[in-house]
Amino acid sequence: MNKGELVDAIAKKASVNKKTADEVLTATLEAIVEAVSTGSKVTLVGFGSFEPRRREAREGRNPKTTEKMTIPATTVPAFSAGKSFKEKVAPLEIPAKA
């Protein structure tokens, strides 16, 4: 599902037009990104949490040359699914990739 399909689904479920659904979705995503980018955690009960996580510096390899290199420390966005979200997804049977 892409953003357009999500907007369509929101519009249908909330009985609003697509423009309103798009504006609300965009505002929601912008608010989450803004909060996480300033170091805050955003928790949506039953859905999950968004938070910044520190990734320490580590050693890696250049895949072309196999030369060792240091990958610098960084902060990355992270998502943790909530309990009811996990329970809803758990029974799915997804075929393994070949």
PDB file of N, CA and C in Angstrom:
ATOM      1  N   MET A   1       0.854  -1.177   0.000  1.00  0.00           N
ATOM      2  CA  MET A   1       0.000   0.000   0.000  1.00  0.00           C
ATOM      3  C   MET A   1       0.897   1.236   0.000  1.00  0.00           C
ATOM      4  N   ASN A   2       0.623   2.145  -0.922  1.00  0.00           N
ATOM      5  CA  ASN A   2       1.380   3.396  -0.954  1.00  0.00           C
ATOM      6  C   ASN A   2       0.557   4.509  -0.306  1.00  0.00           C
ATOM      7  N   LYS A   3       1.094   5.728  -0.284  1.00  0.00           N
ATOM      8  CA  LYS A   3       0.414   6.829   0.396  1.00  0.00           C
ATOM      9  C   LYS A   3      -0.952   7.114  -0.223  1.00  0.00           C
ATOM     10  N   GLY A   4      -1.055   7.093  -1.548  1.00  0.00           N
ATOM     11  CA  GLY A   4      -2.330   7.353  -2.210  1.00  0.00           C
ATOM     12  C   GLY A   4      -3.389   6.338  -1.820  1.00  0.00           C
ATOM     13  N   GLU A   5      -3.006   5.072  -1.763  1.00  0.00           N
ATOM     14  CA  GLU A   5      -3.939   4.018  -1.358  1.00  0.00           C
ATOM     15  C   GLU A   5      -4.339   4.169   0.106  1.00  0.00           C
ATOM     16  N   LEU A   6      -3.382   4.594   0.937  1.00  0.00           N
ATOM     17  CA  LEU A   6      -3.677   4.829   2.347  1.00  0.00           C
ATOM     18  C   LEU A   6      -4.654   5.996   2.497  1.00  0.00           C
ATOM     19  N   VAL A   7      -4.454   7.056   1.740  1.00  0.00           N
ATOM     20  CA  VAL A   7      -5.371   8.197   1.761  1.00  0.00           C
ATOM     21  C   VAL A   7      -6.775   7.742   1.364  1.00  0.00           C
ATOM     22  N   ASP A   8      -6.878   6.932   0.317  1.00  0.00           N
ATOM     23  CA  ASP A   8      -8.183   6.407  -0.103  1.00  0.00           C
ATOM     24  C   ASP A   8      -8.851   5.611   1.026  1.00  0.00           C
ATOM     25  N   ALA A   9      -8.090   4.756   1.695  1.00  0.00           N
ATOM     26  CA  ALA A   9      -8.630   3.939   2.780  1.00  0.00           C
ATOM     27  C   ALA A   9      -9.084   4.810   3.954  1.00  0.00           C
ATOM     28  N   ILE A  10      -8.287   5.824   4.291  1.00  0.00           N
ATOM     29  CA  ILE A  10      -8.651   6.736   5.381  1.00  0.00           C
ATOM     30  C   ILE A  10      -9.921   7.491   5.029  1.00  0.00           C
ATOM     31  N   ALA A  11      -9.996   8.004   3.811  1.00  0.00           N
ATOM     32  CA  ALA A  11     -11.171   8.756   3.374  1.00  0.00           C
ATOM     33  C   ALA A  11     -12.428   7.905   3.475  1.00  0.00           C
ATOM     34  N   LYS A  12     -12.313   6.649   3.075  1.00  0.00           N
ATOM     35  CA  LYS A  12     -13.467   5.748   3.111  1.00  0.00           C
ATOM     36  C   LYS A  12     -13.879   5.432   4.546  1.00  0.00           C
ATOM     37  N   LYS A  13     -12.907   5.072   5.392  1.00  0.00           N
ATOM     38  CA  LYS A  13     -13.218   4.692   6.775  1.00  0.00           C
ATOM     39  C   LYS A  13     -13.719   5.866   7.610  1.00  0.00           C
ATOM     40  N   ALA A  14     -13.176   7.062   7.351  1.00  0.00           N
ATOM     41  CA  ALA A  14     -13.551   8.234   8.143  1.00  0.00           C
ATOM     42  C   ALA A  14     -14.700   9.022   7.510  1.00  0.00           C
ATOM     43  N   SER A  15     -15.158   8.585   6.343  1.00  0.00           N
ATOM     44  CA  SER A  15     -16.236   9.276   5.616  1.00  0.00           C
ATOM     45  C   SER A  15     -15.913  10.749   5.381  1.00  0.00           C
ATOM     46  N   VAL A  16     -14.690  10.986   4.890  1.00  0.00           N
ATOM     47  CA  VAL A  16     -14.267  12.339   4.520  1.00  0.00           C
ATOM     48  C   VAL A  16     -13.756  12.295   3.093  1.00  0.00           C
ATOM     49  N   ASN A  17     -13.575  13.475   2.499  1.00  0.00           N
ATOM     50  CA  ASN A  17     -13.057  13.478   1.130  1.00  0.00           C
ATOM     51  C   ASN A  17     -11.556  13.197   1.136  1.00  0.00           C
ATOM     52  N   LYS A  18     -11.022  12.857  -0.027  1.00  0.00           N
ATOM     53  CA  LYS A  18      -9.609  12.478  -0.144  1.00  0.00           C
ATOM     54  C   LYS A  18      -8.675  13.628   0.221  1.00  0.00           C
ATOM     55  N   LYS A  19      -9.065  14.859  -0.116  1.00  0.00           N
ATOM     56  CA  LYS A  19      -8.214  16.013   0.189  1.00  0.00           C
ATOM     57  C   LYS A  19      -8.042  16.156   1.701  1.00  0.00           C
ATOM     58  N   THR A  20      -9.139  16.030   2.438  1.00  0.00           N
ATOM     59  CA  THR A  20      -9.080  16.134   3.890  1.00  0.00           C
ATOM     60  C   THR A  20      -8.253  14.992   4.476  1.00  0.00           C
ATOM     61  N   ALA A  21      -8.476  13.786   3.984  1.00  0.00           N
ATOM     62  CA  ALA A  21      -7.718  12.627   4.467  1.00  0.00           C
ATOM     63  C   ALA A  21      -6.226  12.818   4.220  1.00  0.00           C
ATOM     64  N   ASP A  22      -5.866  13.333   3.033  1.00  0.00           N
ATOM     65  CA  ASP A  22      -4.462  13.569   2.704  1.00  0.00           C
ATOM     66  C   ASP A  22      -3.855  14.624   3.625  1.00  0.00           C
ATOM     67  N   GLU A  23      -4.593  15.703   3.878  1.00  0.00           N
ATOM     68  CA  GLU A  23      -4.093  16.766   4.756  1.00  0.00           C
ATOM     69  C   GLU A  23      -3.867  16.251   6.171  1.00  0.00           C
ATOM     70  N   VAL A  24      -4.792  15.441   6.677  1.00  0.00           N
ATOM     71  CA  VAL A  24      -4.665  14.895   8.030  1.00  0.00           C
ATOM     72  C   VAL A  24      -3.498  13.910   8.106  1.00  0.00           C
ATOM     73  N   LEU A  25      -3.371  13.036   7.125  1.00  0.00           N
ATOM     74  CA  LEU A  25      -2.265  12.080   7.113  1.00  0.00           C
ATOM     75  C   LEU A  25      -0.927  12.807   7.031  1.00  0.00           C
ATOM     76  N   THR A  26      -0.828  13.777   6.147  1.00  0.00           N
ATOM     77  CA  THR A  26       0.420  14.542   5.995  1.00  0.00           C
ATOM     78  C   THR A  26       0.771  15.264   7.289  1.00  0.00           C
ATOM     79  N   ALA A  27      -0.214  15.899   7.921  1.00  0.00           N
ATOM     80  CA  ALA A  27       0.027  16.610   9.182  1.00  0.00           C
ATOM     81  C   ALA A  27       0.469  15.645  10.280  1.00  0.00           C
ATOM     82  N   THR A  28      -0.137  14.462  10.317  1.00  0.00           N
ATOM     83  CA  THR A  28       0.224  13.456  11.313  1.00  0.00           C
ATOM     84  C   THR A  28       1.669  13.003  11.129  1.00  0.00           C
ATOM     85  N   LEU A  29       2.024  12.682   9.898  1.00  0.00           N
ATOM     86  CA  LEU A  29       3.392  12.220   9.625  1.00  0.00           C
ATOM     87  C   LEU A  29       4.412  13.321   9.915  1.00  0.00           C
ATOM     88  N   GLU A  30       4.092  14.560   9.549  1.00  0.00           N
ATOM     89  CA  GLU A  30       4.997  15.683   9.825  1.00  0.00           C
ATOM     90  C   GLU A  30       5.188  15.872  11.325  1.00  0.00           C
ATOM     91  N   ALA A  31       4.117  15.731  12.103  1.00  0.00           N
ATOM     92  CA  ALA A  31       4.211  15.885  13.559  1.00  0.00           C
ATOM     93  C   ALA A  31       5.084  14.784  14.165  1.00  0.00           C
ATOM     94  N   ILE A  32       4.932  13.559  13.678  1.00  0.00           N
ATOM     95  CA  ILE A  32       5.757  12.450  14.179  1.00  0.00           C
ATOM     96  C   ILE A  32       7.221  12.681  13.833  1.00  0.00           C
ATOM     97  N   VAL A  33       7.503  13.052  12.582  1.00  0.00           N
ATOM     98  CA  VAL A  33       8.889  13.295  12.151  1.00  0.00           C
ATOM     99  C   VAL A  33       9.500  14.429  12.965  1.00  0.00           C
ATOM    100  N   GLU A  34       8.763  15.502  13.170  1.00  0.00           N
ATOM    101  CA  GLU A  34       9.266  16.649  13.935  1.00  0.00           C
ATOM    102  C   GLU A  34       9.593  16.250  15.373  1.00  0.00           C
ATOM    103  N   ALA A  35       8.697  15.502  16.006  1.00  0.00           N
ATOM    104  CA  ALA A  35       8.925  15.090  17.392  1.00  0.00           C
ATOM    105  C   ALA A  35      10.149  14.181  17.514  1.00  0.00           C
ATOM    106  N   VAL A  36      10.234  13.181  16.637  1.00  0.00           N
ATOM    107  CA  VAL A  36      11.362  12.239  16.709  1.00  0.00           C
ATOM    108  C   VAL A  36      12.674  12.938  16.372  1.00  0.00           C
ATOM    109  N   SER A  37      12.641  13.887  15.427  1.00  0.00           N
ATOM    110  CA  SER A  37      13.868  14.577  15.039  1.00  0.00           C
ATOM    111  C   SER A  37      14.388  15.511  16.129  1.00  0.00           C
ATOM    112  N   THR A  38      13.538  15.837  17.107  1.00  0.00           N
ATOM    113  CA  THR A  38      13.992  16.658  18.230  1.00  0.00           C
ATOM    114  C   THR A  38      14.297  15.818  19.465  1.00  0.00           C
ATOM    115  N   GLY A  39      14.276  14.491  19.311  1.00  0.00           N
ATOM    116  CA  GLY A  39      14.660  13.597  20.399  1.00  0.00           C
ATOM    117  C   GLY A  39      13.507  13.038  21.210  1.00  0.00           C
ATOM    118  N   SER A  40      12.274  13.343  20.837  1.00  0.00           N
ATOM    119  CA  SER A  40      11.122  12.849  21.583  1.00  0.00           C
ATOM    120  C   SER A  40      10.670  11.481  21.091  1.00  0.00           C
ATOM    121  N   LYS A  41       9.930  10.803  21.948  1.00  0.00           N
ATOM    122  CA  LYS A  41       9.334   9.516  21.591  1.00  0.00           C
ATOM    123  C   LYS A  41       7.845   9.755  21.369  1.00  0.00           C
ATOM    124  N   VAL A  42       7.299   9.171  20.299  1.00  0.00           N
ATOM    125  CA  VAL A  42       5.869   9.287  20.002  1.00  0.00           C
ATOM    126  C   VAL A  42       5.258   7.902  20.177  1.00  0.00           C
ATOM    127  N   THR A  43       4.280   7.788  21.087  1.00  0.00           N
ATOM    128  CA  THR A  43       3.640   6.510  21.359  1.00  0.00           C
ATOM    129  C   THR A  43       2.176   6.590  20.959  1.00  0.00           C
ATOM    130  N   LEU A  44       1.751   5.683  20.104  1.00  0.00           N
ATOM    131  CA  LEU A  44       0.357   5.553  19.709  1.00  0.00           C
ATOM    132  C   LEU A  44      -0.106   4.210  20.273  1.00  0.00           C
ATOM    133  N   VAL A  45      -0.840   4.249  21.382  1.00  0.00           N
ATOM    134  CA  VAL A  45      -1.224   3.041  22.103  1.00  0.00           C
ATOM    135  C   VAL A  45      -1.920   2.058  21.162  1.00  0.00           C
ATOM    136  N   GLY A  46      -1.458   0.816  21.180  1.00  0.00           N
ATOM    137  CA  GLY A  46      -2.008  -0.233  20.343  1.00  0.00           C
ATOM    138  C   GLY A  46      -1.366  -0.306  18.974  1.00  0.00           C
ATOM    139  N   PHE A  47      -0.772   0.788  18.516  1.00  0.00           N
ATOM    140  CA  PHE A  47      -0.124   0.801  17.199  1.00  0.00           C
ATOM    141  C   PHE A  47       1.371   0.624  17.342  1.00  0.00           C
ATOM    142  N   GLY A  48       2.020   1.512  18.099  1.00  0.00           N
ATOM    143  CA  GLY A  48       3.455   1.396  18.293  1.00  0.00           C
ATOM    144  C   GLY A  48       4.095   2.700  18.702  1.00  0.00           C
ATOM    145  N   SER A  49       5.423   2.686  18.746  1.00  0.00           N
ATOM    146  CA  SER A  49       6.199   3.849  19.168  1.00  0.00           C
ATOM    147  C   SER A  49       7.267   4.192  18.145  1.00  0.00           C
ATOM    148  N   PHE A  50       7.462   5.479  17.952  1.00  0.00           N
ATOM    149  CA  PHE A  50       8.529   6.002  17.111  1.00  0.00           C
ATOM    150  C   PHE A  50       9.499   6.708  18.038  1.00  0.00           C
ATOM    151  N   GLU A  51      10.807   6.466  17.847  1.00  0.00           N
ATOM    152  CA  GLU A  51      11.792   7.126  18.697  1.00  0.00           C
ATOM    153  C   GLU A  51      13.144   7.183  17.994  1.00  0.00           C
ATOM    154  N   PRO A  52      13.980   8.141  18.418  1.00  0.00           N
ATOM    155  CA  PRO A  52      15.335   8.153  17.877  1.00  0.00           C
ATOM    156  C   PRO A  52      16.187   7.146  18.646  1.00  0.00           C
ATOM    157  N   ARG A  53      17.067   6.437  17.936  1.00  0.00           N
ATOM    158  CA  ARG A  53      17.980   5.486  18.583  1.00  0.00           C
ATOM    159  C   ARG A  53      19.399   5.789  18.143  1.00  0.00           C
ATOM    160  N   ARG A  54      20.307   5.660  19.079  1.00  0.00           N
ATOM    161  CA  ARG A  54      21.725   5.895  18.818  1.00  0.00           C
ATOM    162  C   ARG A  54      22.346   4.628  18.272  1.00  0.00           C
ATOM    163  N   ARG A  55      23.011   4.728  17.149  1.00  0.00           N
ATOM    164  CA  ARG A  55      23.747   3.601  16.566  1.00  0.00           C
ATOM    165  C   ARG A  55      25.227   3.931  16.721  1.00  0.00           C
ATOM    166  N   GLU A  56      25.933   3.122  17.475  1.00  0.00           N
ATOM    167  CA  GLU A  56      27.353   3.366  17.753  1.00  0.00           C
ATOM    168  C   GLU A  56      28.208   3.159  16.509  1.00  0.00           C
ATOM    169  N   ALA A  57      29.397   3.736  16.537  1.00  0.00           N
ATOM    170  CA  ALA A  57      30.350   3.551  15.441  1.00  0.00           C
ATOM    171  C   ALA A  57      30.738   2.077  15.379  1.00  0.00           C
ATOM    172  N   ARG A  58      30.985   1.596  14.172  1.00  0.00           N
ATOM    173  CA  ARG A  58      31.342   0.188  14.020  1.00  0.00           C
ATOM    174  C   ARG A  58      32.230   0.018  12.791  1.00  0.00           C
ATOM    175  N   GLU A  59      32.834  -1.149  12.720  1.00  0.00           N
ATOM    176  CA  GLU A  59      33.690  -1.438  11.584  1.00  0.00           C
ATOM    177  C   GLU A  59      32.866  -2.138  10.506  1.00  0.00           C
ATOM    178  N   GLY A  60      33.078  -1.738   9.272  1.00  0.00           N
ATOM    179  CA  GLY A  60      32.388  -2.371   8.155  1.00  0.00           C
ATOM    180  C   GLY A  60      33.370  -2.616   7.025  1.00  0.00           C
ATOM    181  N   ARG A  61      32.858  -3.076   5.905  1.00  0.00           N
ATOM    182  CA  ARG A  61      33.704  -3.315   4.737  1.00  0.00           C
ATOM    183  C   ARG A  61      33.057  -2.685   3.517  1.00  0.00           C
ATOM    184  N   ASN A  62      33.907  -2.122   2.668  1.00  0.00           N
ATOM    185  CA  ASN A  62      33.442  -1.607   1.396  1.00  0.00           C
ATOM    186  C   ASN A  62      33.130  -2.819   0.524  1.00  0.00           C
ATOM    187  N   PRO A  63      31.874  -2.965   0.068  1.00  0.00           N
ATOM    188  CA  PRO A  63      31.524  -4.168  -0.690  1.00  0.00           C
ATOM    189  C   PRO A  63      32.265  -4.301  -2.027  1.00  0.00           C
ATOM    190  N   LYS A  64      32.716  -3.200  -2.609  1.00  0.00           N
ATOM    191  CA  LYS A  64      33.436  -3.277  -3.889  1.00  0.00           C
ATOM    192  C   LYS A  64      34.883  -3.713  -3.717  1.00  0.00           C
ATOM    193  N   THR A  65      35.532  -3.145  -2.671  1.00  0.00           N
ATOM    194  CA  THR A  65      36.959  -3.419  -2.507  1.00  0.00           C
ATOM    195  C   THR A  65      37.267  -4.356  -1.337  1.00  0.00           C
ATOM    196  N   THR A  66      36.286  -4.660  -0.524  1.00  0.00           N
ATOM    197  CA  THR A  66      36.417  -5.426   0.724  1.00  0.00           C
ATOM    198  C   THR A  66      37.378  -4.767   1.717  1.00  0.00           C
ATOM    199  N   GLU A  67      37.697  -3.509   1.487  1.00  0.00           N
ATOM    200  CA  GLU A  67      38.567  -2.753   2.384  1.00  0.00           C
ATOM    201  C   GLU A  67      37.811  -2.417   3.667  1.00  0.00           C
ATOM    202  N   LYS A  68      38.488  -2.562   4.823  1.00  0.00           N
ATOM    203  CA  LYS A  68      37.875  -2.223   6.101  1.00  0.00           C
ATOM    204  C   LYS A  68      37.680  -0.717   6.192  1.00  0.00           C
ATOM    205  N   MET A  69      36.570  -0.324   6.817  1.00  0.00           N
ATOM    206  CA  MET A  69      36.305   1.099   7.007  1.00  0.00           C
ATOM    207  C   MET A  69      35.525   1.267   8.305  1.00  0.00           C
ATOM    208  N   THR A  70      35.563   2.470   8.867  1.00  0.00           N
ATOM    209  CA  THR A  70      34.816   2.760  10.075  1.00  0.00           C
ATOM    210  C   THR A  70      33.521   3.463   9.690  1.00  0.00           C
ATOM    211  N   ILE A  71      32.426   2.912  10.153  1.00  0.00           N
ATOM    212  CA  ILE A  71      31.120   3.527   9.929  1.00  0.00           C
ATOM    213  C   ILE A  71      30.852   4.401  11.156  1.00  0.00           C
ATOM    214  N   PRO A  72      30.671   5.710  10.965  1.00  0.00           N
ATOM    215  CA  PRO A  72      30.526   6.609  12.113  1.00  0.00           C
ATOM    216  C   PRO A  72      29.228   6.389  12.892  1.00  0.00           C
ATOM    217  N   ALA A  73      29.240   6.812  14.156  1.00  0.00           N
ATOM    218  CA  ALA A  73      28.042   6.746  14.991  1.00  0.00           C
ATOM    219  C   ALA A  73      26.988   7.683  14.408  1.00  0.00           C
ATOM    220  N   THR A  74      25.739   7.326  14.596  1.00  0.00           N
ATOM    221  CA  THR A  74      24.653   8.152  14.077  1.00  0.00           C
ATOM    222  C   THR A  74      23.386   7.909  14.885  1.00  0.00           C
ATOM    223  N   THR A  75      22.407   8.764  14.707  1.00  0.00           N
ATOM    224  CA  THR A  75      21.101   8.584  15.320  1.00  0.00           C
ATOM    225  C   THR A  75      20.121   8.263  14.207  1.00  0.00           C
ATOM    226  N   VAL A  76      19.318   7.214  14.400  1.00  0.00           N
ATOM    227  CA  VAL A  76      18.376   6.769  13.372  1.00  0.00           C
ATOM    228  C   VAL A  76      16.968   6.709  13.952  1.00  0.00           C
ATOM    229  N   PRO A  77      15.945   6.880  13.104  1.00  0.00           N
ATOM    230  CA  PRO A  77      14.575   6.708  13.602  1.00  0.00           C
ATOM    231  C   PRO A  77      14.275   5.222  13.747  1.00  0.00           C
ATOM    232  N   ALA A  78      13.479   4.881  14.761  1.00  0.00           N
ATOM    233  CA  ALA A  78      13.130   3.480  14.995  1.00  0.00           C
ATOM    234  C   ALA A  78      11.643   3.368  15.307  1.00  0.00           C
ATOM    235  N   PHE A  79      11.055   2.247  14.908  1.00  0.00           N
ATOM    236  CA  PHE A  79       9.653   1.974  15.195  1.00  0.00           C
ATOM    237  C   PHE A  79       9.547   0.642  15.908  1.00  0.00           C
ATOM    238  N   SER A  80       8.744   0.611  16.970  1.00  0.00           N
ATOM    239  CA  SER A  80       8.459  -0.634  17.683  1.00  0.00           C
ATOM    240  C   SER A  80       6.953  -0.834  17.650  1.00  0.00           C
ATOM    241  N   ALA A  81       6.515  -1.944  17.095  1.00  0.00           N
ATOM    242  CA  ALA A  81       5.083  -2.223  17.000  1.00  0.00           C
ATOM    243  C   ALA A  81       4.488  -2.471  18.381  1.00  0.00           C
ATOM    244  N   GLY A  82       3.257  -2.017  18.582  1.00  0.00           N
ATOM    245  CA  GLY A  82       2.538  -2.234  19.828  1.00  0.00           C
ATOM    246  C   GLY A  82       1.979  -3.646  19.910  1.00  0.00           C
ATOM    247  N   LYS A  83       1.524  -4.019  21.084  1.00  0.00           N
ATOM    248  CA  LYS A  83       1.051  -5.377  21.335  1.00  0.00           C
ATOM    249  C   LYS A  83      -0.084  -5.785  20.396  1.00  0.00           C
ATOM    250  N   SER A  84      -1.116  -4.955  20.266  1.00  0.00           N
ATOM    251  CA  SER A  84      -2.254  -5.361  19.435  1.00  0.00           C
ATOM    252  C   SER A  84      -1.879  -5.416  17.954  1.00  0.00           C
ATOM    253  N   PHE A  85      -0.951  -4.557  17.521  1.00  0.00           N
ATOM    254  CA  PHE A  85      -0.464  -4.585  16.139  1.00  0.00           C
ATOM    255  C   PHE A  85       0.261  -5.909  15.896  1.00  0.00           C
ATOM    256  N   LYS A  86       1.147  -6.290  16.807  1.00  0.00           N
ATOM    257  CA  LYS A  86       1.890  -7.548  16.685  1.00  0.00           C
ATOM    258  C   LYS A  86       0.948  -8.743  16.652  1.00  0.00           C
ATOM    259  N   GLU A  87      -0.062  -8.715  17.518  1.00  0.00           N
ATOM    260  CA  GLU A  87      -1.005  -9.828  17.570  1.00  0.00           C
ATOM    261  C   GLU A  87      -1.819  -9.942  16.284  1.00  0.00           C
ATOM    262  N   LYS A  88      -2.138  -8.819  15.663  1.00  0.00           N
ATOM    263  CA  LYS A  88      -2.912  -8.816  14.420  1.00  0.00           C
ATOM    264  C   LYS A  88      -2.079  -9.382  13.262  1.00  0.00           C
ATOM    265  N   VAL A  89      -0.779  -9.107  13.259  1.00  0.00           N
ATOM    266  CA  VAL A  89       0.109  -9.532  12.170  1.00  0.00           C
ATOM    267  C   VAL A  89       0.608 -10.966  12.361  1.00  0.00           C
ATOM    268  N   ALA A  90       0.730 -11.424  13.581  1.00  0.00           N
ATOM    269  CA  ALA A  90       1.328 -12.729  13.893  1.00  0.00           C
ATOM    270  C   ALA A  90       0.749 -13.909  13.122  1.00  0.00           C
ATOM    271  N   PRO A  91      -0.577 -14.010  12.919  1.00  0.00           N
ATOM    272  CA  PRO A  91      -1.100 -15.190  12.227  1.00  0.00           C
ATOM    273  C   PRO A  91      -0.859 -15.223  10.709  1.00  0.00           C
ATOM    274  N   LEU A  92      -0.338 -14.145  10.123  1.00  0.00           N
ATOM    275  CA  LEU A  92      -0.106 -14.109   8.678  1.00  0.00           C
ATOM    276  C   LEU A  92       0.933 -15.128   8.256  1.00  0.00           C
ATOM    277  N   GLU A  93       0.676 -15.752   7.119  1.00  0.00           N
ATOM    278  CA  GLU A  93       1.641 -16.688   6.546  1.00  0.00           C
ATOM    279  C   GLU A  93       2.244 -16.020   5.326  1.00  0.00           C
ATOM    280  N   ILE A  94       3.469 -15.579   5.445  1.00  0.00           N
ATOM    281  CA  ILE A  94       4.160 -14.912   4.345  1.00  0.00           C
ATOM    282  C   ILE A  94       5.215 -15.873   3.821  1.00  0.00           C
ATOM    283  N   PRO A  95       5.184 -16.173   2.513  1.00  0.00           N
ATOM    284  CA  PRO A  95       6.169 -17.119   1.960  1.00  0.00           C
ATOM    285  C   PRO A  95       7.593 -16.563   2.079  1.00  0.00           C
ATOM    286  N   ALA A  96       8.520 -17.459   2.334  1.00  0.00           N
ATOM    287  CA  ALA A  96       9.933 -17.078   2.437  1.00  0.00           C
ATOM    288  C   ALA A  96      10.453 -16.690   1.055  1.00  0.00           C
ATOM    289  N   LYS A  97      11.400 -15.733   1.030  1.00  0.00           N
ATOM    290  CA  LYS A  97      12.014 -15.331  -0.222  1.00  0.00           C
ATOM    291  C   LYS A  97      13.005 -16.398  -0.666  1.00  0.00           C
ATOM    292  N   ALA A  98      13.072 -16.613  -1.940  1.00  0.00           N
ATOM    293  CA  ALA A  98      13.971 -17.648  -2.475  1.00  0.00           C
ATOM    294  C   ALA A  98      15.394 -17.170  -2.553  1.00  0.00           C
TER     295      ALA A  98
END
